Amino acid sequence: MGNALRPSHAIRDLWRLPGISRLFFILMVTGLALAKGAGAQPSSSDIVQGQVLDSAKKPVADVIVRLRQQSAAATTETHTDALGNFAFSGIKAGAYVISAEKSSLRAAIPVVVSATGGELRIDLVLAASGTSPSENAGSSGAPTDAMEFADKPNFTVAGVTDWTAVGGHGSDASLRTSEALARETSALKSKSLENSSSPHLESASKVDGSESELRAALVAAPAGFEANRKLGIFYLHAGRYQESIPLLEAAYKIDPSNRENEYDLALAYNATGDYSRARGHVRALLAKADRSDLHRLAGELDEKLGDPLSAVHEQEQAARLDPSEQNYFEWGSELLLHRAMWQAVEVFGNGAKAYPKSPRMLAALGAALFATARYEEASLRLCEASDLNPADPEPYIFMGKIEMASPTPLPCIGQRLANFVQQQPDNPIANYLDAMALLRREQAGDQQSSAETMLKKAVALDPKCGEAYLQLGILAFSRHDIEQAIDRYRRAIEVNPELGEAHYRLGVVYDRIGKPAEAKQEFQIHDEIERVQAAAIERERRDVKQFLVVSQSQPASSASH
């Protein structure tokens, strides 16, 4: 049975079910070595560029920026232009420290220039020694002791770099799983948000009256603030965002000082994908009032607009002003998504201390612990999350993913997945995950028989569950039932032609029974699927910037994990 499991391709067909990110399955079905190009000769055409910002995220001109190679004494120096931009060209591959300094403010972070060439973008945020940008930022009247963390964070997110500097642990399957869990964690929302088409819509203003009544009021007073606003809010809550915008815009033009209306207008822009306008209004509101919900929404918009550095600082500020469960969760999710894994563990850990009855906080902590190779701790936190709300499938799904990617079976997970099946016997995911856990833990014939029964039930419940067909084929092949193995592999391919492992294993069977032409065809299909999926992983990774983090307990030139 040692060859019966291929964790790198696990639960791929589950992408069609609600609550599971399709990206996870792209990431799980193929390998992409992060060291790709490691053997290439150092490039002399790399460009290191970026921008220097102050604590308010405004560009700073005439800052001295230095790039020092860690293995040599040579240092290159430049100054920022009027927009805070800097650039170094002709930089060879290697490890460097990039620093910026002006008056008593400075920033310094390590960077790695890839041997594959290209551009590396680094944004630096100036701060006084030992403080974070948000601590240096001016307050808009908020009390200085407004934040009460369980333990005060001991790190600063100082910059971003591209995916070639991404850190990992263990096997490539483990790395891909941790990346997938980061995205799954970001997708977790409270039930009130899950039932809403627009983020933060639960904060929108309420309005009474039917559509016909509100439209009649607008006809009677077309230039009235309340008439336009109330109908706009009605459409906003109804999910008719395009119809709400002109009305809320009209109300804004009539009374631009009304903060509630401007906030609701920002929500409508956000819901329709007009993130730039939404962020402009949110920033205008922040200039008038330093509110946690505004920082949280600003962070969400910054992330959507491709500015993760600003996003994480906004989420941190939201948590400082209001250490709520939501603010802890969104801040930690932002850190985890951008591979600040140890810092995500710290934030989620503090959030779990403050909100020990939050299943999603514990599930997120489990995902972050897995990303730092603390597999057993990760499993325990996920088991706690499932115990808090046994009907919620998400912790079980997280368990199944880390169980199949971890080097060894993990404690408590086997029993919890068995409980999942008992609670939801007609859930194909539950049957599949429990079967895979059994196959990992037990090699005895009776356990294989139980697993096979659950796999058969999974495909009976969901005839398009290709992974279950694949595992049934593997079991049939292990007992030398060649005819059934071929049938199961073909069924897996029929429901999911992109299931590369099914093509590979079918090729192995054909080769074994003396059909070299058929075997060659299946191997070629497998290789092409792997190539396409590897390219997809590379594209997805390039879209995610990695945070560069400086520990405040260490010199600024050293970075945390």
Protein backbone atom coordinates (compact mmCIF):
# COMPACT_ATOMS: atom_id res chain seq x y z
CA MET A 1 0.00 0.00 0.00
CA GLY A 2 3.01 2.31 0.10
CA ASN A 3 2.24 3.37 -3.46
CA ALA A 4 -1.49 3.65 -2.93
CA LEU A 5 -1.42 7.29 -1.94
CA ARG A 6 -0.31 10.25 -3.97
CA PRO A 7 -0.90 13.28 -1.66
CA SER A 8 0.17 15.69 -4.38
CA HIS A 9 -3.05 14.92 -6.26
CA ALA A 10 -5.43 14.58 -3.31
CA ILE A 11 -9.13 15.64 -3.35
CA ARG A 12 -8.81 17.45 -6.63
CA ASP A 13 -12.35 16.81 -7.76
CA LEU A 14 -13.76 18.50 -4.65
CA TRP A 15 -13.34 21.87 -6.40
CA ARG A 16 -16.89 21.67 -7.65
CA LEU A 17 -18.37 21.81 -4.15
CA PRO A 18 -19.24 25.04 -2.27
CA GLY A 19 -16.72 26.58 0.07
CA ILE A 20 -13.61 25.12 -1.56
CA SER A 21 -11.27 27.25 -3.60
CA ARG A 22 -10.66 25.99 -7.13
CA LEU A 23 -7.12 27.23 -6.81
CA PHE A 24 -6.40 24.66 -4.11
CA PHE A 25 -6.89 21.84 -6.54
CA ILE A 26 -4.68 23.42 -9.16
CA LEU A 27 -1.98 23.74 -6.50
CA MET A 28 -2.45 20.22 -5.17
CA VAL A 29 -2.32 18.32 -8.47
CA THR A 30 1.20 19.13 -9.62
CA GLY A 31 4.71 19.85 -8.38
CA LEU A 32 6.73 22.96 -9.05
CA ALA A 33 10.24 23.05 -7.59
CA LEU A 34 10.83 26.42 -5.98
CA ALA A 35 14.48 26.02 -6.71
CA LYS A 36 13.82 26.15 -10.45
CA GLY A 37 16.76 27.82 -12.08
CA ALA A 38 18.96 27.32 -9.03
CA GLY A 39 21.63 25.89 -11.24
CA ALA A 40 21.62 28.83 -13.63
CA GLN A 41 24.52 31.23 -13.82
CA PRO A 42 24.08 34.51 -11.89
CA SER A 43 22.48 37.21 -13.98
CA SER A 44 23.99 40.66 -14.26
CA SER A 45 20.85 42.29 -15.63
CA ASP A 46 18.64 42.20 -12.54
CA ILE A 47 16.96 45.43 -11.44
CA VAL A 48 16.11 46.13 -7.81
CA GLN A 49 13.65 48.99 -7.56
CA GLY A 50 10.93 50.31 -5.33
CA GLN A 51 9.67 53.24 -3.31
CA VAL A 52 10.38 54.69 0.13
CA LEU A 53 7.30 55.66 2.13
CA ASP A 54 6.72 57.36 5.46
CA SER A 55 4.46 56.02 8.22
CA ALA A 56 1.43 57.54 6.47
CA LYS A 57 2.39 55.66 3.30
CA LYS A 58 3.37 58.86 1.47
CA PRO A 59 6.50 58.88 -0.74
CA VAL A 60 9.64 60.43 0.71
CA ALA A 61 12.11 62.26 -1.53
CA ASP A 62 15.89 62.50 -1.20
CA VAL A 63 16.30 59.42 0.98
CA ILE A 64 19.64 57.62 0.95
CA VAL A 65 19.09 54.03 -0.17
CA ARG A 66 21.93 51.50 0.10
CA LEU A 67 22.20 47.96 -1.28
CA ARG A 68 24.89 45.86 0.46
CA GLN A 69 25.80 42.33 -0.58
CA GLN A 70 25.98 40.15 2.51
CA SER A 71 28.91 38.09 1.24
CA ALA A 72 31.03 41.13 0.35
CA ALA A 73 31.86 44.57 1.65
CA ALA A 74 30.70 46.32 -1.50
CA THR A 75 27.77 48.73 -1.10
CA THR A 76 25.84 50.55 -3.82
CA GLU A 77 24.11 53.82 -2.94
CA THR A 78 21.43 55.99 -4.53
CA HIS A 79 18.79 58.59 -3.58
CA THR A 80 15.05 58.58 -4.03
CA ASP A 81 13.52 60.96 -6.54
CA ALA A 82 10.68 63.41 -5.90
CA LEU A 83 8.16 60.53 -5.84
CA GLY A 84 10.21 58.40 -3.45
CA ASN A 85 11.33 56.00 -6.19
CA PHE A 86 14.74 54.34 -6.38
CA ALA A 87 16.38 51.76 -8.63
CA PHE A 88 19.57 49.70 -8.79
CA SER A 89 20.50 48.02 -12.08
CA GLY A 90 23.01 45.35 -13.06
CA ILE A 91 22.64 43.55 -9.72
CA LYS A 92 24.01 40.02 -9.65
CA ALA A 93 22.22 37.12 -7.97
CA GLY A 94 22.79 36.79 -4.26
CA ALA A 95 21.73 37.83 -0.75
CA TYR A 96 21.64 41.54 0.04
CA VAL A 97 20.50 44.00 2.68
CA ILE A 98 18.67 47.06 1.36
CA SER A 99 18.36 50.06 3.69
CA ALA A 100 16.93 53.55 3.60
CA GLU A 101 17.76 56.40 5.93
CA LYS A 102 16.73 60.01 6.43
CA SER A 103 17.25 61.99 9.63
CA SER A 104 16.30 59.68 12.53
CA LEU A 105 14.12 57.41 10.40
CA ARG A 106 15.34 54.26 8.73
CA ALA A 107 14.34 50.91 7.29
CA ALA A 108 16.43 47.86 6.43
CA ILE A 109 15.44 44.43 5.17
CA PRO A 110 17.18 41.43 3.59
CA VAL A 111 16.45 40.63 -0.05
CA VAL A 112 17.36 37.78 -2.37
CA VAL A 113 18.08 38.54 -6.01
CA SER A 114 17.10 35.56 -8.14
CA ALA A 115 19.54 33.91 -10.52
CA THR A 116 16.80 33.84 -13.16
CA GLY A 117 17.03 37.59 -13.79
CA GLY A 118 14.28 40.16 -14.07
CA GLU A 119 12.98 42.91 -11.80
CA LEU A 120 12.63 42.77 -8.03
CA ARG A 121 10.38 45.37 -6.39
CA ILE A 122 10.92 46.37 -2.76
CA ASP A 123 8.93 49.04 -0.90
CA LEU A 124 10.49 50.40 2.30
CA VAL A 125 8.57 52.08 5.12
CA LEU A 126 10.60 54.48 7.25
CA ALA A 127 10.20 54.17 11.01
CA ALA A 128 12.02 55.28 14.13
CA SER A 129 14.30 52.63 15.59
CA GLY A 130 12.33 49.96 17.45
CA THR A 131 8.93 51.13 16.34
CA SER A 132 6.55 50.15 13.59
CA PRO A 133 5.19 52.56 10.99
CA SER A 134 1.77 52.46 12.57
CA GLU A 135 3.25 53.43 15.93
CA ASN A 136 4.91 56.46 14.38
CA ALA A 137 1.80 57.49 12.50
CA GLY A 138 -0.17 60.40 13.83
CA SER A 139 -3.42 59.64 15.59
CA SER A 140 -6.72 61.19 14.64
CA GLY A 141 -7.85 61.60 18.18
CA ALA A 142 -7.93 57.88 19.04
CA PRO A 143 -6.67 57.09 22.54
CA THR A 144 -3.11 55.77 22.64
CA ASP A 145 -4.17 52.75 24.71
CA ALA A 146 -7.02 51.76 22.40
CA MET A 147 -5.27 48.54 21.37
CA GLU A 148 -5.18 45.72 23.89
CA PHE A 149 -3.55 42.69 22.31
CA ALA A 150 -3.16 39.44 24.21
CA ASP A 151 0.56 39.91 23.50
CA LYS A 152 1.90 42.94 21.68
CA PRO A 153 3.24 42.00 18.22
CA ASN A 154 7.00 42.02 17.91
CA PHE A 155 7.43 42.48 14.19
CA THR A 156 7.09 45.03 11.40
CA VAL A 157 6.11 44.30 7.81
CA ALA A 158 8.75 46.37 6.07
CA GLY A 159 8.39 45.48 2.41
CA VAL A 160 7.39 43.02 -0.28
CA THR A 161 9.24 40.94 -2.81
CA ASP A 162 8.25 38.64 -5.65
CA TRP A 163 7.50 34.92 -5.41
CA THR A 164 11.08 33.83 -6.20
CA ALA A 165 11.99 34.67 -2.60
CA VAL A 166 9.19 32.52 -1.17
CA GLY A 167 10.16 30.34 1.76
CA GLY A 168 8.95 26.82 2.30
CA HIS A 169 9.38 23.69 4.30
CA GLY A 170 9.46 19.97 3.79
CA SER A 171 8.26 18.52 0.53
CA ASP A 172 6.83 20.42 -2.38
CA ALA A 173 3.48 18.80 -1.60
CA SER A 174 3.60 20.38 1.88
CA LEU A 175 4.47 23.77 0.43
CA ARG A 176 1.64 23.63 -2.09
CA THR A 177 -0.76 22.59 0.66
CA SER A 178 0.27 25.49 2.90
CA GLU A 179 -0.21 27.91 -0.01
CA ALA A 180 -3.65 26.46 -0.66
CA LEU A 181 -4.62 26.65 3.02
CA ALA A 182 -3.56 30.30 3.07
CA ARG A 183 -6.07 31.02 0.35
CA GLU A 184 -8.72 28.91 2.03
CA THR A 185 -8.11 30.82 5.27
CA SER A 186 -8.60 34.15 3.53
CA ALA A 187 -11.87 32.84 2.09
CA LEU A 188 -13.31 32.01 5.51
CA LYS A 189 -15.97 34.55 6.45
CA SER A 190 -18.47 34.87 9.25
CA LYS A 191 -21.91 33.52 8.42
CA SER A 192 -23.30 37.00 8.12
CA LEU A 193 -20.74 37.85 5.45
CA GLU A 194 -21.22 34.53 3.67
CA ASN A 195 -24.88 35.36 3.25
CA SER A 196 -24.05 38.75 1.79
CA SER A 197 -22.95 39.48 -1.76
CA SER A 198 -20.90 42.47 -0.65
CA PRO A 199 -18.14 42.53 1.97
CA HIS A 200 -19.01 44.66 4.98
CA LEU A 201 -22.60 45.07 3.77
CA GLU A 202 -23.81 44.24 7.26
CA SER A 203 -22.49 47.65 8.25
CA ALA A 204 -24.54 49.50 5.65
CA SER A 205 -27.33 51.76 6.85
CA LYS A 206 -30.88 50.39 7.23
CA VAL A 207 -33.95 51.76 5.51
CA ASP A 208 -37.68 51.11 5.84
CA GLY A 209 -40.23 51.11 3.03
CA SER A 210 -40.97 49.24 -0.18
CA GLU A 211 -39.33 50.00 -3.52
CA SER A 212 -42.51 51.59 -4.88
CA GLU A 213 -42.82 53.83 -1.81
CA LEU A 214 -39.18 54.90 -2.02
CA ARG A 215 -39.41 55.56 -5.76
CA ALA A 216 -42.54 57.67 -5.20
CA ALA A 217 -40.67 59.69 -2.57
CA LEU A 218 -37.85 60.28 -5.05
CA VAL A 219 -40.30 61.45 -7.74
CA ALA A 220 -41.74 63.90 -5.23
CA ALA A 221 -38.29 65.21 -4.21
CA PRO A 222 -35.73 64.36 -6.94
CA ALA A 223 -33.20 66.79 -5.49
CA GLY A 224 -33.69 65.64 -1.91
CA PHE A 225 -30.83 64.04 -0.02
CA GLU A 226 -33.00 61.58 1.94
CA ALA A 227 -35.04 60.49 -1.08
CA ASN A 228 -31.95 59.64 -3.11
CA ARG A 229 -30.12 58.07 -0.18
CA LYS A 230 -32.96 55.83 1.00
CA LEU A 231 -33.65 54.34 -2.41
CA GLY A 232 -29.90 53.90 -2.93
CA ILE A 233 -29.63 52.01 0.36
CA PHE A 234 -32.62 49.87 -0.58
CA TYR A 235 -30.90 48.79 -3.81
CA LEU A 236 -27.61 48.28 -1.97
CA HIS A 237 -29.20 45.80 0.44
CA ALA A 238 -31.04 44.12 -2.44
CA GLY A 239 -27.73 43.47 -4.20
CA ARG A 240 -28.69 45.82 -7.04
CA TYR A 241 -25.42 47.70 -6.77
CA GLN A 242 -25.35 49.35 -10.18
CA GLU A 243 -28.76 50.86 -9.48
CA SER A 244 -27.69 52.04 -6.03
CA ILE A 245 -24.62 53.95 -7.19
CA PRO A 246 -26.27 56.85 -9.10
CA LEU A 247 -28.62 57.47 -6.17
CA LEU A 248 -25.87 57.40 -3.55
CA GLU A 249 -23.71 59.60 -5.80
CA ALA A 250 -26.58 62.10 -6.08
CA ALA A 251 -26.94 62.12 -2.30
CA TYR A 252 -23.17 62.61 -1.95
CA LYS A 253 -23.23 65.62 -4.29
CA ILE A 254 -26.10 67.12 -2.30
CA ASP A 255 -24.38 66.59 1.06
CA PRO A 256 -20.71 65.50 0.77
CA SER A 257 -20.26 65.88 4.54
CA ASN A 258 -22.58 62.95 5.36
CA ARG A 259 -20.14 60.20 6.37
CA GLU A 260 -22.67 57.36 6.44
CA ASN A 261 -23.70 58.03 2.86
CA GLU A 262 -20.10 58.25 1.68
CA TYR A 263 -19.33 54.94 3.42
CA ASP A 264 -22.31 53.27 1.76
CA LEU A 265 -21.21 54.69 -1.59
CA ALA A 266 -17.77 53.14 -1.02
CA LEU A 267 -19.48 49.79 -0.30
CA ALA A 268 -21.41 50.02 -3.56
CA TYR A 269 -18.26 50.80 -5.54
CA ASN A 270 -16.50 47.87 -3.85
CA ALA A 271 -19.37 45.52 -4.71
CA THR A 272 -19.22 46.49 -8.39
CA GLY A 273 -15.44 46.16 -8.62
CA ASP A 274 -14.69 49.89 -8.79
CA TYR A 275 -12.02 49.55 -6.14
CA SER A 276 -10.14 52.78 -6.89
CA ARG A 277 -13.20 54.96 -6.30
CA ALA A 278 -14.10 52.96 -3.23
CA ARG A 279 -10.61 53.41 -1.78
CA GLY A 280 -10.67 57.14 -2.53
CA HIS A 281 -13.83 57.58 -0.47
CA VAL A 282 -12.54 55.38 2.35
CA ARG A 283 -9.33 57.40 2.57
CA ALA A 284 -11.35 60.59 2.63
CA LEU A 285 -13.38 59.19 5.52
CA LEU A 286 -10.21 58.13 7.36
CA ALA A 287 -8.97 61.70 7.14
CA LYS A 288 -12.05 62.71 9.14
CA ALA A 289 -12.21 59.81 11.61
CA ASP A 290 -9.71 57.08 12.57
CA ARG A 291 -12.13 54.13 12.63
CA SER A 292 -11.38 50.43 12.75
CA ASP A 293 -13.98 49.47 10.15
CA LEU A 294 -12.58 52.03 7.72
CA HIS A 295 -9.05 50.67 8.11
CA ARG A 296 -10.34 47.12 7.59
CA LEU A 297 -12.19 48.10 4.40
CA ALA A 298 -9.18 50.12 3.22
CA GLY A 299 -7.00 47.04 3.70
CA GLU A 300 -9.39 44.90 1.68
CA LEU A 301 -9.35 47.44 -1.14
CA ASP A 302 -5.57 47.81 -1.05
CA GLU A 303 -5.23 44.04 -1.47
CA LYS A 304 -7.63 44.02 -4.41
CA LEU A 305 -5.70 46.88 -6.02
CA GLY A 306 -2.40 45.03 -5.74
CA ASP A 307 -0.94 46.92 -2.77
CA PRO A 308 -0.48 44.24 -0.08
CA LEU A 309 1.99 46.32 1.93
CA SER A 310 -0.61 49.02 2.52
CA ALA A 311 -3.24 46.34 3.07
CA VAL A 312 -1.41 44.67 5.94
CA HIS A 313 -0.69 48.00 7.61
CA GLU A 314 -4.38 48.92 7.39
CA GLN A 315 -5.40 45.55 8.86
CA GLU A 316 -2.90 45.99 11.68
CA GLN A 317 -4.23 49.45 12.44
CA ALA A 318 -7.78 48.10 12.47
CA ALA A 319 -6.76 45.53 15.07
CA ARG A 320 -4.94 48.14 17.14
CA LEU A 321 -8.03 50.34 17.26
CA ASP A 322 -10.42 47.45 17.81
CA PRO A 323 -8.94 44.01 18.65
CA SER A 324 -12.11 42.23 17.56
CA GLU A 325 -12.27 38.65 16.31
CA GLN A 326 -12.81 39.87 12.76
CA ASN A 327 -9.87 42.27 12.86
CA TYR A 328 -7.51 39.67 14.31
CA PHE A 329 -8.66 37.21 11.66
CA GLU A 330 -8.30 39.52 8.67
CA TRP A 331 -4.89 40.78 9.79
CA GLY A 332 -3.61 37.23 10.29
CA SER A 333 -5.09 36.14 6.97
CA GLU A 334 -3.25 38.93 5.15
CA LEU A 335 0.04 37.86 6.75
CA LEU A 336 -0.50 34.20 5.92
CA LEU A 337 -1.55 34.90 2.34
CA HIS A 338 1.74 36.72 1.73
CA ARG A 339 3.92 34.08 3.40
CA ALA A 340 4.69 35.90 6.66
CA MET A 341 4.03 32.54 8.27
CA TRP A 342 5.56 32.92 11.73
CA GLN A 343 3.95 36.33 12.14
CA ALA A 344 0.58 34.87 11.11
CA VAL A 345 1.02 32.23 13.82
CA GLU A 346 1.61 35.03 16.34
CA VAL A 347 -1.47 37.02 15.31
CA PHE A 348 -3.78 34.00 15.05
CA GLY A 349 -2.40 32.68 18.34
CA ASN A 350 -3.20 35.94 20.08
CA GLY A 351 -6.60 35.98 18.41
CA ALA A 352 -7.28 32.46 19.66
CA LYS A 353 -6.35 33.53 23.20
CA ALA A 354 -8.74 36.48 23.00
CA TYR A 355 -11.49 34.46 21.26
CA PRO A 356 -11.03 30.81 22.31
CA LYS A 357 -14.53 29.87 21.06
CA SER A 358 -13.90 31.00 17.48
CA PRO A 359 -13.71 27.95 15.18
CA ARG A 360 -12.36 29.92 12.24
CA MET A 361 -9.60 31.47 14.36
CA LEU A 362 -8.46 28.01 15.46
CA ALA A 363 -8.72 26.68 11.91
CA ALA A 364 -6.63 29.60 10.66
CA LEU A 365 -4.09 29.04 13.42
CA GLY A 366 -3.90 25.41 12.32
CA ALA A 367 -3.23 26.49 8.73
CA ALA A 368 -0.48 28.87 9.87
CA LEU A 369 1.13 26.23 12.10
CA PHE A 370 1.16 23.78 9.20
CA ALA A 371 2.92 26.42 7.08
CA THR A 372 5.70 26.56 9.70
CA ALA A 373 6.06 22.74 9.71
CA ARG A 374 4.48 22.38 13.16
CA TYR A 375 2.25 19.60 11.92
CA GLU A 376 1.08 18.07 15.20
CA GLU A 377 0.18 21.45 16.69
CA ALA A 378 -1.70 22.27 13.50
CA SER A 379 -3.75 19.09 13.76
CA LEU A 380 -4.63 19.74 17.40
CA ARG A 381 -5.88 23.26 16.66
CA LEU A 382 -8.01 21.98 13.78
CA CYS A 383 -9.46 19.26 15.98
CA GLU A 384 -10.37 21.90 18.55
CA ALA A 385 -12.06 23.94 15.82
CA SER A 386 -14.13 20.97 14.69
CA ASP A 387 -15.16 20.22 18.28
CA LEU A 388 -16.46 23.76 18.71
CA ASN A 389 -18.79 23.40 15.73
CA PRO A 390 -19.04 19.73 14.63
CA ALA A 391 -21.48 20.60 11.83
CA ASP A 392 -19.03 22.92 10.05
CA PRO A 393 -17.21 21.02 7.27
CA GLU A 394 -14.32 23.50 6.87
CA PRO A 395 -12.10 22.26 9.76
CA TYR A 396 -12.51 18.68 8.53
CA ILE A 397 -11.54 19.70 5.01
CA PHE A 398 -8.46 21.47 6.36
CA MET A 399 -7.65 18.30 8.33
CA GLY A 400 -7.90 16.15 5.25
CA LYS A 401 -5.55 18.41 3.34
CA ILE A 402 -2.82 18.51 5.97
CA GLU A 403 -3.20 14.79 6.71
CA MET A 404 -2.45 13.87 3.10
CA ALA A 405 0.45 16.33 2.80
CA SER A 406 2.18 15.74 6.16
CA PRO A 407 5.16 13.37 6.37
CA THR A 408 3.41 11.14 8.92
CA PRO A 409 -0.17 10.55 10.13
CA LEU A 410 -1.27 13.27 12.55
CA PRO A 411 -2.87 12.88 15.99
CA CYS A 412 -6.63 13.25 16.54
CA ILE A 413 -7.43 13.70 12.86
CA GLY A 414 -8.39 10.09 12.17
CA GLN A 415 -11.07 10.10 14.85
CA ARG A 416 -12.41 13.51 13.83
CA LEU A 417 -12.75 12.46 10.18
CA ALA A 418 -14.57 9.33 11.35
CA ASN A 419 -16.89 11.63 13.31
CA PHE A 420 -17.38 13.69 10.14
CA VAL A 421 -18.70 10.63 8.33
CA GLN A 422 -20.95 9.70 11.25
CA GLN A 423 -22.46 13.18 11.35
CA GLN A 424 -22.79 13.52 7.55
CA PRO A 425 -22.95 9.96 6.16
CA ASP A 426 -24.24 11.16 2.78
CA ASN A 427 -21.49 13.69 2.27
CA PRO A 428 -19.10 12.44 -0.47
CA ILE A 429 -16.27 14.63 0.86
CA ALA A 430 -16.59 13.10 4.32
CA ASN A 431 -16.46 9.56 2.93
CA TYR A 432 -13.49 10.35 0.70
CA LEU A 433 -11.44 12.06 3.40
CA ASP A 434 -12.08 9.35 5.98
CA ALA A 435 -11.14 6.67 3.46
CA MET A 436 -7.85 8.43 2.68
CA ALA A 437 -7.07 8.78 6.39
CA LEU A 438 -7.65 5.07 6.90
CA LEU A 439 -5.38 4.19 4.00
CA ARG A 440 -2.61 6.31 5.48
CA ARG A 441 -2.89 4.86 8.95
CA GLU A 442 -3.62 1.18 8.46
CA GLN A 443 -2.26 -1.40 6.06
CA ALA A 444 -4.39 -4.31 7.30
CA GLY A 445 -6.87 -5.87 4.88
CA ASP A 446 -9.92 -5.01 6.99
CA GLN A 447 -8.97 -1.32 6.99
CA GLN A 448 -8.45 -1.39 3.23
CA SER A 449 -11.86 -2.99 2.90
CA SER A 450 -13.48 -0.25 5.01
CA ALA A 451 -11.72 2.44 2.99
CA GLU A 452 -12.81 0.86 -0.27
CA THR A 453 -16.41 0.75 0.95
CA MET A 454 -16.32 4.48 1.71
CA LEU A 455 -14.71 5.27 -1.65
CA LYS A 456 -17.45 3.36 -3.41
CA LYS A 457 -20.02 5.29 -1.42
CA ALA A 458 -18.33 8.57 -2.35
CA VAL A 459 -18.65 7.85 -6.09
CA ALA A 460 -22.21 6.62 -5.60
CA LEU A 461 -23.07 9.91 -3.90
CA ASP A 462 -21.07 11.94 -6.43
CA PRO A 463 -20.46 10.10 -9.72
CA LYS A 464 -18.03 12.84 -10.77
CA CYS A 465 -15.66 12.29 -7.82
CA GLY A 466 -12.68 11.38 -9.99
CA GLU A 467 -10.21 11.14 -7.10
CA ALA A 468 -12.28 8.41 -5.48
CA TYR A 469 -12.32 6.43 -8.75
CA LEU A 470 -8.55 6.88 -8.91
CA GLN A 471 -8.06 5.49 -5.41
CA LEU A 472 -10.38 2.57 -6.19
CA GLY A 473 -8.19 1.82 -9.20
CA ILE A 474 -5.07 1.92 -7.03
CA LEU A 475 -6.63 -0.54 -4.59
CA ALA A 476 -7.67 -2.87 -7.41
CA PHE A 477 -4.16 -2.79 -8.88
CA SER A 478 -2.63 -3.56 -5.45
CA ARG A 479 -4.56 -6.85 -5.35
CA HIS A 480 -3.67 -7.60 -9.01
CA ASP A 481 -7.19 -7.06 -10.33
CA ILE A 482 -5.96 -5.54 -13.59
CA GLU A 483 -9.31 -5.43 -15.35
CA GLN A 484 -10.98 -3.54 -12.52
CA ALA A 485 -7.99 -1.20 -12.14
CA ILE A 486 -8.22 -0.24 -15.82
CA ASP A 487 -11.96 0.32 -15.51
CA ARG A 488 -11.55 2.57 -12.43
CA TYR A 489 -8.72 4.58 -14.00
CA ARG A 490 -10.80 5.09 -17.13
CA ARG A 491 -13.78 6.22 -15.05
CA ALA A 492 -11.55 8.71 -13.25
CA ILE A 493 -10.34 10.10 -16.57
CA GLU A 494 -13.88 10.18 -17.96
CA VAL A 495 -15.14 12.43 -15.17
CA ASN A 496 -11.92 14.46 -14.98
CA PRO A 497 -9.71 14.33 -18.10
CA GLU A 498 -7.18 16.62 -16.36
CA LEU A 499 -6.47 14.09 -13.59
CA GLY A 500 -2.86 13.48 -14.55
CA GLU A 501 -2.16 10.71 -12.06
CA ALA A 502 -4.97 8.59 -13.51
CA HIS A 503 -3.35 8.79 -16.95
CA TYR A 504 0.04 7.90 -15.47
CA ARG A 505 -1.25 4.88 -13.56
CA LEU A 506 -3.27 3.70 -16.54
CA GLY A 507 -0.07 3.89 -18.59
CA VAL A 508 1.71 1.76 -15.99
CA VAL A 509 -0.99 -0.89 -16.26
CA TYR A 510 -0.87 -0.88 -20.07
CA ASP A 511 2.90 -1.24 -19.95
CA ARG A 512 2.57 -4.13 -17.50
CA ILE A 513 0.15 -6.07 -19.72
CA GLY A 514 2.17 -5.54 -22.91
CA LYS A 515 0.44 -2.62 -24.60
CA PRO A 516 3.34 -0.20 -25.16
CA ALA A 517 1.55 2.07 -27.64
CA GLU A 518 -1.37 2.69 -25.25
CA ALA A 519 1.07 3.16 -22.37
CA LYS A 520 3.10 5.73 -24.32
CA GLN A 521 -0.04 7.70 -25.15
CA GLU A 522 -1.14 7.86 -21.49
CA PHE A 523 2.35 8.89 -20.35
CA GLN A 524 2.41 11.67 -22.94
CA ILE A 525 -0.98 12.95 -21.79
CA HIS A 526 0.23 12.85 -18.18
CA ASP A 527 3.37 14.84 -19.02
CA GLU A 528 1.41 17.50 -20.90
CA ILE A 529 -1.07 17.90 -18.03
CA GLU A 530 1.81 18.27 -15.58
CA ARG A 531 3.46 20.88 -17.81
CA VAL A 532 0.29 22.97 -18.13
CA GLN A 533 -0.50 22.76 -14.44
CA ALA A 534 3.07 23.64 -13.45
CA ALA A 535 2.81 26.77 -15.60
CA ALA A 536 -0.50 27.62 -13.90
CA ILE A 537 1.13 27.31 -10.48
CA GLU A 538 3.96 29.59 -11.55
CA ARG A 539 1.50 32.23 -12.77
CA GLU A 540 -0.50 32.05 -9.55
CA ARG A 541 2.62 32.35 -7.41
CA ARG A 542 3.84 35.35 -9.36
CA ASP A 543 0.58 37.10 -8.48
CA VAL A 544 1.32 36.81 -4.75
CA LYS A 545 3.93 39.12 -3.25
CA GLN A 546 5.80 37.91 -0.18
CA PHE A 547 6.07 40.12 2.88
CA LEU A 548 9.51 40.97 4.20
CA VAL A 549 9.30 41.18 7.96
CA VAL A 550 11.70 42.69 10.51
CA SER A 551 11.64 41.58 14.12
CA GLN A 552 11.65 44.55 16.49
CA SER A 553 13.66 42.58 19.02
CA GLN A 554 16.52 42.22 16.54
CA PRO A 555 18.66 44.71 14.63
CA ALA A 556 16.77 46.19 11.71
CA SER A 557 19.07 44.50 9.21
CA SER A 558 17.97 41.02 10.23
CA ALA A 559 14.69 39.47 9.28
CA SER A 560 12.49 37.00 11.01
CA HIS A 561 11.63 33.69 9.44
